[in-house]
Amino acid sequence: MSVRHLIPDPLTGERSYARFAHQDLAAFTPRQLWAECVTLEAALASAIARQVRPRLISAWPTFITDHEWMLARVGALRCEMRRRGYPEPDDPLSRPRSAATRGA
């Protein structure tokens, strides 16, 4: 899959902007969080391995590269999984940790 298909254009509408700004993650299931995380990690790794130059994305009033956005998105996905008490993406089928094991 092309990296360009994974990154929304933040200027095309509210839904695309919400995805671009990582504001859509609360609606994701744990498996959707995991799937998007590993998809983005694989796409970024492939782009880096093939030495694909990062492209600029206009996110008025600033710019960001597609590689930077993917890194930020992966970070936001991992943060959302941790917030929900799920382990890192390598184990998507695990149940949330109990309050006792989270230290709460």
Protein backbone atom coordinates (compact mmCIF):
# COMPACT_ATOMS: atom_id res chain seq x y z
CA MET A 1 0.00 0.00 0.00
CA SER A 2 1.24 3.45 -0.88
CA VAL A 3 2.11 5.80 1.95
CA ARG A 4 -0.01 8.46 0.25
CA HIS A 5 -3.14 6.34 0.75
CA LEU A 6 -2.51 6.09 4.50
CA ILE A 7 -2.25 9.81 5.19
CA PRO A 8 -5.38 11.96 5.03
CA ASP A 9 -5.41 15.41 3.49
CA PRO A 10 -6.31 17.64 6.45
CA LEU A 11 -7.74 20.31 4.16
CA THR A 12 -10.46 18.17 2.54
CA GLY A 13 -12.95 18.09 5.40
CA GLU A 14 -13.64 17.59 9.08
CA ARG A 15 -13.29 13.81 9.01
CA SER A 16 -9.92 13.98 7.27
CA TYR A 17 -8.74 16.71 9.61
CA ALA A 18 -9.82 14.70 12.68
CA ARG A 19 -7.82 11.72 11.40
CA PHE A 20 -4.85 13.91 10.55
CA ALA A 21 -4.92 15.42 14.06
CA HIS A 22 -5.41 11.97 15.69
CA GLN A 23 -8.77 13.06 17.11
CA ASP A 24 -10.51 9.95 15.77
CA LEU A 25 -8.84 7.35 17.96
CA ALA A 26 -11.50 7.17 20.68
CA ALA A 27 -13.88 5.51 18.19
CA PHE A 28 -11.42 2.73 17.30
CA THR A 29 -11.71 -0.79 18.68
CA PRO A 30 -8.54 -2.28 20.20
CA ARG A 31 -7.99 -4.37 17.07
CA GLN A 32 -8.42 -1.32 14.84
CA LEU A 33 -5.83 0.53 16.92
CA TRP A 34 -3.42 -2.38 16.59
CA ALA A 35 -4.06 -2.86 12.85
CA GLU A 36 -3.49 0.78 12.01
CA CYS A 37 -0.37 0.88 14.16
CA VAL A 38 1.30 -2.09 12.47
CA THR A 39 0.18 -0.92 9.01
CA LEU A 40 1.78 2.49 9.52
CA GLU A 41 4.93 0.98 11.04
CA ALA A 42 5.31 -1.36 8.03
CA ALA A 43 4.68 1.45 5.54
CA LEU A 44 7.19 3.73 7.23
CA ALA A 45 9.80 0.97 7.47
CA SER A 46 9.32 0.18 3.79
CA ALA A 47 9.62 3.83 2.77
CA ILE A 48 12.81 4.21 4.79
CA ALA A 49 14.29 0.96 3.47
CA ARG A 50 13.55 1.99 -0.12
CA GLN A 51 15.00 5.46 0.63
CA VAL A 52 11.78 7.21 -0.37
CA ARG A 53 12.13 10.93 0.24
CA PRO A 54 9.61 12.30 2.71
CA ARG A 55 7.03 14.59 1.14
CA LEU A 56 5.64 17.72 2.71
CA ILE A 57 2.01 17.80 3.76
CA SER A 58 0.28 21.15 4.03
CA ALA A 59 -1.46 21.35 7.37
CA TRP A 60 -2.14 25.05 7.39
CA PRO A 61 -0.56 27.07 8.94
CA THR A 62 2.30 24.58 9.20
CA PHE A 63 3.87 21.77 7.19
CA ILE A 64 4.87 18.28 8.24
CA THR A 65 6.46 15.44 6.31
CA ASP A 66 4.60 12.21 5.71
CA HIS A 67 7.25 10.32 7.71
CA GLU A 68 6.82 12.67 10.68
CA TRP A 69 3.04 12.26 10.52
CA MET A 70 3.29 8.47 10.49
CA LEU A 71 5.61 8.54 13.51
CA ALA A 72 3.22 10.87 15.33
CA ARG A 73 0.23 8.69 14.43
CA VAL A 74 1.96 5.53 15.67
CA GLY A 75 2.77 7.35 18.91
CA ALA A 76 -0.84 8.48 19.29
CA LEU A 77 -2.12 4.96 18.60
CA ARG A 78 0.23 3.45 21.18
CA CYS A 79 -0.73 6.13 23.70
CA GLU A 80 -4.44 5.36 23.18
CA MET A 81 -3.79 1.63 23.66
CA ARG A 82 -1.90 2.30 26.90
CA ARG A 83 -4.64 4.69 28.08
CA ARG A 84 -7.15 1.86 27.66
CA GLY A 85 -4.92 -0.57 29.52
CA TYR A 86 -3.92 -2.64 26.50
CA PRO A 87 -0.38 -3.86 25.98
CA GLU A 88 1.85 -2.73 23.15
CA PRO A 89 0.80 -3.67 19.59
CA ASP A 90 2.68 -6.97 19.53
CA ASP A 91 -0.22 -8.60 21.43
CA PRO A 92 -3.54 -7.29 20.05
CA LEU A 93 -5.72 -10.03 21.47
CA SER A 94 -4.77 -9.55 25.10
CA ARG A 95 -7.35 -8.30 27.54
CA PRO A 96 -6.87 -4.98 29.35
CA ARG A 97 -4.67 -5.22 32.39
CA SER A 98 -6.42 -5.16 35.72
CA ALA A 99 -6.16 -2.13 37.99
CA ALA A 100 -3.87 -4.13 40.30
CA THR A 101 -1.32 -4.82 37.55
CA ARG A 102 -1.49 -1.23 36.26
CA GLY A 103 -0.51 0.04 39.68
CA ALA A 104 -3.78 1.89 40.23
